[in-house]
Amino acid sequence: MLVYLQMIELDDDKTKFENIYLTYKDLMFNLAMLKLNNTQKAEDLVHDVFIKIAEKVSQIDPVGIRTKHLVITMVENQVIDLFRSKAEQLETVNSDLVQNIGVEDKYESGINACIMKLPEQQRNLIWFKYSLGYKNSEISQLMGVSVAWIQKNEQRAKRKLMELYREEDCK
């Protein structure tokens, strides 16, 4: 909490912030955990929200129903921003995947063409795992799905890739 208090100049605002922090930190964390299901990301998100609160504490009402509504809204908006950021990352990956198809090696070119025929989520999964080296747990967080989903869809994607390549649709 000291980090936040150092951002605030007036003693009255410091007291107000401290009351807001002590009253709503658990609520904010629990809400973030409910939405993100990841302790580290929830902690980071709540930290970011408290920084915003500290920056504007003089404009915020003291602890009360309006303040509670405000902190809930801020957490929800921060979650939405995080999901938007994930979506933008996935769009970048798809764009990178399309650009990297121009490989000279006929075998690699065929595999890349087959990968491009996979459904988008399977294509992203293959790209994250085999091109970027992410672990299943990291991919599940990035894509917002369970590790079990990643494992099952990796099997499906590999099976589909083998079918496509054998059919020579991609060579």
C-alpha atoms as a PDB file:
ATOM      1  CA  MET A   1       0.000   0.000   0.000  1.00  0.00           C
ATOM      2  CA  LEU A   2       2.979   2.307   0.544  1.00  0.00           C
ATOM      3  CA  VAL A   3       3.557   2.507  -3.200  1.00  0.00           C
ATOM      4  CA  TYR A   4       0.071   3.914  -3.698  1.00  0.00           C
ATOM      5  CA  LEU A   5       0.299   6.306  -0.761  1.00  0.00           C
ATOM      6  CA  GLN A   6       3.517   7.770  -2.160  1.00  0.00           C
ATOM      7  CA  MET A   7       1.560   8.818  -5.240  1.00  0.00           C
ATOM      8  CA  ILE A   8      -0.858  10.879  -3.127  1.00  0.00           C
ATOM      9  CA  GLU A   9       0.070  14.311  -1.766  1.00  0.00           C
ATOM     10  CA  LEU A  10      -2.674  15.332   0.686  1.00  0.00           C
ATOM     11  CA  ASP A  11      -3.103  13.563   4.038  1.00  0.00           C
ATOM     12  CA  ASP A  12      -6.912  13.547   3.693  1.00  0.00           C
ATOM     13  CA  ASP A  13      -6.595  11.833   0.315  1.00  0.00           C
ATOM     14  CA  LYS A  14      -4.143   9.320   1.780  1.00  0.00           C
ATOM     15  CA  THR A  15      -6.644   8.462   4.513  1.00  0.00           C
ATOM     16  CA  LYS A  16      -9.445   8.166   1.953  1.00  0.00           C
ATOM     17  CA  PHE A  17      -7.324   5.893  -0.240  1.00  0.00           C
ATOM     18  CA  GLU A  18      -6.353   3.734   2.728  1.00  0.00           C
ATOM     19  CA  ASN A  19     -10.028   3.280   3.651  1.00  0.00           C
ATOM     20  CA  ILE A  20     -10.904   2.382   0.055  1.00  0.00           C
ATOM     21  CA  TYR A  21      -7.991  -0.047  -0.126  1.00  0.00           C
ATOM     22  CA  LEU A  22      -8.809  -1.829   3.133  1.00  0.00           C
ATOM     23  CA  THR A  23     -12.538  -1.954   2.400  1.00  0.00           C
ATOM     24  CA  TYR A  24     -12.469  -3.150  -1.219  1.00  0.00           C
ATOM     25  CA  LYS A  25      -9.185  -4.979  -1.900  1.00  0.00           C
ATOM     26  CA  ASP A  26     -10.662  -8.420  -1.203  1.00  0.00           C
ATOM     27  CA  LEU A  27     -13.812  -7.699  -3.212  1.00  0.00           C
ATOM     28  CA  MET A  28     -11.722  -6.483  -6.145  1.00  0.00           C
ATOM     29  CA  PHE A  29      -9.407  -9.494  -6.034  1.00  0.00           C
ATOM     30  CA  ASN A  30     -12.281 -11.973  -5.787  1.00  0.00           C
ATOM     31  CA  LEU A  31     -14.045 -10.342  -8.722  1.00  0.00           C
ATOM     32  CA  ALA A  32     -10.854 -10.421 -10.797  1.00  0.00           C
ATOM     33  CA  MET A  33     -10.295 -14.090  -9.885  1.00  0.00           C
ATOM     34  CA  LEU A  34     -13.858 -14.912 -10.875  1.00  0.00           C
ATOM     35  CA  LYS A  35     -13.310 -13.369 -14.299  1.00  0.00           C
ATOM     36  CA  LEU A  36      -9.681 -14.444 -14.934  1.00  0.00           C
ATOM     37  CA  ASN A  37      -9.240 -17.647 -12.914  1.00  0.00           C
ATOM     38  CA  ASN A  38      -5.550 -16.810 -12.512  1.00  0.00           C
ATOM     39  CA  THR A  39      -4.071 -15.524  -9.245  1.00  0.00           C
ATOM     40  CA  GLN A  40      -1.137 -13.625 -10.756  1.00  0.00           C
ATOM     41  CA  LYS A  41      -3.237 -11.905 -13.406  1.00  0.00           C
ATOM     42  CA  ALA A  42      -5.899 -11.041 -10.832  1.00  0.00           C
ATOM     43  CA  GLU A  43      -3.291  -9.504  -8.514  1.00  0.00           C
ATOM     44  CA  ASP A  44      -1.773  -7.521 -11.378  1.00  0.00           C
ATOM     45  CA  LEU A  45      -5.175  -6.306 -12.483  1.00  0.00           C
ATOM     46  CA  VAL A  46      -6.143  -5.155  -8.976  1.00  0.00           C
ATOM     47  CA  HIS A  47      -2.776  -3.401  -8.661  1.00  0.00           C
ATOM     48  CA  ASP A  48      -3.436  -1.528 -11.917  1.00  0.00           C
ATOM     49  CA  VAL A  49      -6.879  -0.493 -10.682  1.00  0.00           C
ATOM     50  CA  PHE A  50      -5.438   0.781  -7.393  1.00  0.00           C
ATOM     51  CA  ILE A  51      -2.915   2.863  -9.291  1.00  0.00           C
ATOM     52  CA  LYS A  52      -5.787   4.473 -11.181  1.00  0.00           C
ATOM     53  CA  ILE A  53      -7.648   5.049  -7.923  1.00  0.00           C
ATOM     54  CA  ALA A  54      -4.565   6.623  -6.329  1.00  0.00           C
ATOM     55  CA  GLU A  55      -4.179   8.955  -9.313  1.00  0.00           C
ATOM     56  CA  LYS A  56      -7.792  10.163  -8.997  1.00  0.00           C
ATOM     57  CA  VAL A  57      -8.445   9.691  -5.274  1.00  0.00           C
ATOM     58  CA  SER A  58      -9.305  13.364  -4.742  1.00  0.00           C
ATOM     59  CA  GLN A  59     -12.225  12.977  -7.185  1.00  0.00           C
ATOM     60  CA  ILE A  60     -13.572   9.792  -5.578  1.00  0.00           C
ATOM     61  CA  ASP A  61     -16.207   9.725  -2.856  1.00  0.00           C
ATOM     62  CA  PRO A  62     -15.256   8.272   0.535  1.00  0.00           C
ATOM     63  CA  VAL A  63     -16.122   4.620   1.234  1.00  0.00           C
ATOM     64  CA  GLY A  64     -19.783   4.066   0.407  1.00  0.00           C
ATOM     65  CA  ILE A  65     -22.126   2.496  -2.113  1.00  0.00           C
ATOM     66  CA  ARG A  66     -20.978   4.794  -4.937  1.00  0.00           C
ATOM     67  CA  THR A  67     -17.358   3.939  -4.247  1.00  0.00           C
ATOM     68  CA  LYS A  68     -18.180   0.229  -4.211  1.00  0.00           C
ATOM     69  CA  HIS A  69     -19.908   0.572  -7.570  1.00  0.00           C
ATOM     70  CA  LEU A  70     -16.929   2.523  -8.907  1.00  0.00           C
ATOM     71  CA  VAL A  71     -14.302  -0.064  -7.911  1.00  0.00           C
ATOM     72  CA  ILE A  72     -16.413  -2.925  -9.296  1.00  0.00           C
ATOM     73  CA  THR A  73     -16.814  -1.066 -12.581  1.00  0.00           C
ATOM     74  CA  MET A  74     -13.094  -0.300 -12.725  1.00  0.00           C
ATOM     75  CA  VAL A  75     -12.183  -3.970 -12.207  1.00  0.00           C
ATOM     76  CA  GLU A  76     -14.684  -5.092 -14.852  1.00  0.00           C
ATOM     77  CA  ASN A  77     -13.376  -2.510 -17.324  1.00  0.00           C
ATOM     78  CA  GLN A  78      -9.787  -3.594 -16.658  1.00  0.00           C
ATOM     79  CA  VAL A  79     -10.789  -7.223 -17.346  1.00  0.00           C
ATOM     80  CA  ILE A  80     -12.391  -6.153 -20.640  1.00  0.00           C
ATOM     81  CA  ASP A  81      -9.202  -4.288 -21.587  1.00  0.00           C
ATOM     82  CA  LEU A  82      -7.159  -7.410 -20.816  1.00  0.00           C
ATOM     83  CA  PHE A  83      -9.401  -9.561 -23.030  1.00  0.00           C
ATOM     84  CA  ARG A  84      -9.182  -6.996 -25.829  1.00  0.00           C
ATOM     85  CA  SER A  85      -5.410  -7.148 -25.557  1.00  0.00           C
ATOM     86  CA  LYS A  86      -5.544 -10.959 -25.873  1.00  0.00           C
ATOM     87  CA  ALA A  87      -7.723 -10.675 -28.960  1.00  0.00           C
ATOM     88  CA  GLU A  88      -5.231  -8.244 -30.521  1.00  0.00           C
ATOM     89  CA  GLN A  89      -2.382 -10.661 -29.749  1.00  0.00           C
ATOM     90  CA  LEU A  90      -4.262 -13.472 -31.496  1.00  0.00           C
ATOM     91  CA  GLU A  91      -4.868 -11.257 -34.537  1.00  0.00           C
ATOM     92  CA  THR A  92      -1.133 -10.492 -34.664  1.00  0.00           C
ATOM     93  CA  VAL A  93      -0.306 -14.193 -34.481  1.00  0.00           C
ATOM     94  CA  ASN A  94      -2.689 -14.952 -37.350  1.00  0.00           C
ATOM     95  CA  SER A  95      -1.143 -12.150 -39.383  1.00  0.00           C
ATOM     96  CA  ASP A  96       2.387 -13.419 -38.645  1.00  0.00           C
ATOM     97  CA  LEU A  97       1.333 -16.939 -39.573  1.00  0.00           C
ATOM     98  CA  VAL A  98       0.022 -15.802 -42.945  1.00  0.00           C
ATOM     99  CA  GLN A  99       3.224 -13.841 -43.657  1.00  0.00           C
ATOM    100  CA  ASN A 100       5.472 -16.786 -42.756  1.00  0.00           C
ATOM    101  CA  ILE A 101       3.854 -19.140 -45.260  1.00  0.00           C
ATOM    102  CA  GLY A 102       6.275 -18.096 -47.998  1.00  0.00           C
ATOM    103  CA  VAL A 103       8.873 -20.689 -46.928  1.00  0.00           C
ATOM    104  CA  GLU A 104      11.133 -22.033 -49.691  1.00  0.00           C
ATOM    105  CA  ASP A 105      11.234 -25.646 -48.479  1.00  0.00           C
ATOM    106  CA  LYS A 106       8.455 -27.586 -50.240  1.00  0.00           C
ATOM    107  CA  TYR A 107       7.764 -29.779 -47.186  1.00  0.00           C
ATOM    108  CA  GLU A 108       7.541 -26.830 -44.792  1.00  0.00           C
ATOM    109  CA  SER A 109       5.506 -24.872 -47.294  1.00  0.00           C
ATOM    110  CA  GLY A 110       3.039 -27.776 -47.541  1.00  0.00           C
ATOM    111  CA  ILE A 111       2.745 -28.070 -43.770  1.00  0.00           C
ATOM    112  CA  ASN A 112       2.205 -24.327 -43.452  1.00  0.00           C
ATOM    113  CA  ALA A 113      -0.500 -24.467 -46.113  1.00  0.00           C
ATOM    114  CA  CYS A 114      -2.169 -27.295 -44.179  1.00  0.00           C
ATOM    115  CA  ILE A 115      -1.937 -25.312 -40.942  1.00  0.00           C
ATOM    116  CA  MET A 116      -3.684 -22.425 -42.642  1.00  0.00           C
ATOM    117  CA  LYS A 117      -6.610 -24.744 -43.449  1.00  0.00           C
ATOM    118  CA  LEU A 118      -7.162 -25.550 -39.761  1.00  0.00           C
ATOM    119  CA  PRO A 119      -9.878 -23.763 -37.787  1.00  0.00           C
ATOM    120  CA  GLU A 120      -8.583 -20.518 -36.289  1.00  0.00           C
ATOM    121  CA  GLN A 121      -8.280 -21.726 -32.691  1.00  0.00           C
ATOM    122  CA  GLN A 122      -6.416 -24.885 -33.698  1.00  0.00           C
ATOM    123  CA  ARG A 123      -4.180 -22.835 -35.991  1.00  0.00           C
ATOM    124  CA  ASN A 124      -3.377 -20.464 -33.097  1.00  0.00           C
ATOM    125  CA  LEU A 125      -2.707 -23.394 -30.776  1.00  0.00           C
ATOM    126  CA  ILE A 126      -0.249 -24.987 -33.230  1.00  0.00           C
ATOM    127  CA  TRP A 127       1.436 -21.637 -33.820  1.00  0.00           C
ATOM    128  CA  PHE A 128       1.840 -20.863 -30.111  1.00  0.00           C
ATOM    129  CA  LYS A 129       3.112 -24.326 -29.260  1.00  0.00           C
ATOM    130  CA  TYR A 130       5.400 -25.239 -32.146  1.00  0.00           C
ATOM    131  CA  SER A 131       6.495 -21.903 -33.586  1.00  0.00           C
ATOM    132  CA  LEU A 132       6.652 -19.793 -30.445  1.00  0.00           C
ATOM    133  CA  GLY A 133       7.414 -22.571 -27.931  1.00  0.00           C
ATOM    134  CA  TYR A 134       4.657 -21.827 -25.418  1.00  0.00           C
ATOM    135  CA  LYS A 135       3.621 -24.471 -22.872  1.00  0.00           C
ATOM    136  CA  ASN A 136       0.037 -25.723 -22.710  1.00  0.00           C
ATOM    137  CA  SER A 137      -0.612 -23.767 -19.500  1.00  0.00           C
ATOM    138  CA  GLU A 138       0.602 -20.552 -21.128  1.00  0.00           C
ATOM    139  CA  ILE A 139      -1.487 -21.158 -24.242  1.00  0.00           C
ATOM    140  CA  SER A 140      -4.584 -21.830 -22.133  1.00  0.00           C
ATOM    141  CA  GLN A 141      -4.163 -18.497 -20.358  1.00  0.00           C
ATOM    142  CA  LEU A 142      -3.540 -16.627 -23.573  1.00  0.00           C
ATOM    143  CA  MET A 143      -6.522 -18.181 -25.347  1.00  0.00           C
ATOM    144  CA  GLY A 144      -8.778 -18.158 -22.274  1.00  0.00           C
ATOM    145  CA  VAL A 145      -9.491 -21.902 -22.332  1.00  0.00           C
ATOM    146  CA  SER A 146      -8.640 -24.858 -20.096  1.00  0.00           C
ATOM    147  CA  VAL A 147      -5.461 -26.921 -20.383  1.00  0.00           C
ATOM    148  CA  ALA A 148      -7.661 -29.962 -21.101  1.00  0.00           C
ATOM    149  CA  TRP A 149      -9.162 -28.075 -24.065  1.00  0.00           C
ATOM    150  CA  ILE A 150      -5.646 -27.325 -25.325  1.00  0.00           C
ATOM    151  CA  GLN A 151      -4.605 -30.974 -25.052  1.00  0.00           C
ATOM    152  CA  LYS A 152      -7.713 -32.297 -26.803  1.00  0.00           C
ATOM    153  CA  ASN A 153      -7.595 -29.722 -29.583  1.00  0.00           C
ATOM    154  CA  GLU A 154      -3.890 -30.274 -30.113  1.00  0.00           C
ATOM    155  CA  GLN A 155      -4.680 -33.957 -30.790  1.00  0.00           C
ATOM    156  CA  ARG A 156      -7.483 -32.959 -33.164  1.00  0.00           C
ATOM    157  CA  ALA A 157      -5.294 -30.427 -34.956  1.00  0.00           C
ATOM    158  CA  LYS A 158      -2.475 -32.948 -35.452  1.00  0.00           C
ATOM    159  CA  ARG A 159      -4.918 -35.546 -36.758  1.00  0.00           C
ATOM    160  CA  LYS A 160      -6.451 -33.007 -39.149  1.00  0.00           C
ATOM    161  CA  LEU A 161      -2.992 -31.885 -40.318  1.00  0.00           C
ATOM    162  CA  MET A 162      -2.047 -35.481 -41.111  1.00  0.00           C
ATOM    163  CA  GLU A 163      -5.286 -35.968 -43.058  1.00  0.00           C
ATOM    164  CA  LEU A 164      -4.786 -32.764 -45.028  1.00  0.00           C
ATOM    165  CA  TYR A 165      -1.178 -33.536 -45.826  1.00  0.00           C
ATOM    166  CA  ARG A 166      -1.931 -37.111 -46.908  1.00  0.00           C
ATOM    167  CA  GLU A 167      -4.717 -35.901 -49.168  1.00  0.00           C
ATOM    168  CA  GLU A 168      -2.133 -33.646 -50.815  1.00  0.00           C
ATOM    169  CA  ASP A 169      -4.412 -30.653 -50.418  1.00  0.00           C
ATOM    170  CA  CYS A 170      -1.464 -28.721 -49.075  1.00  0.00           C
ATOM    171  CA  LYS A 171       1.533 -29.845 -51.121  1.00  0.00           C
END
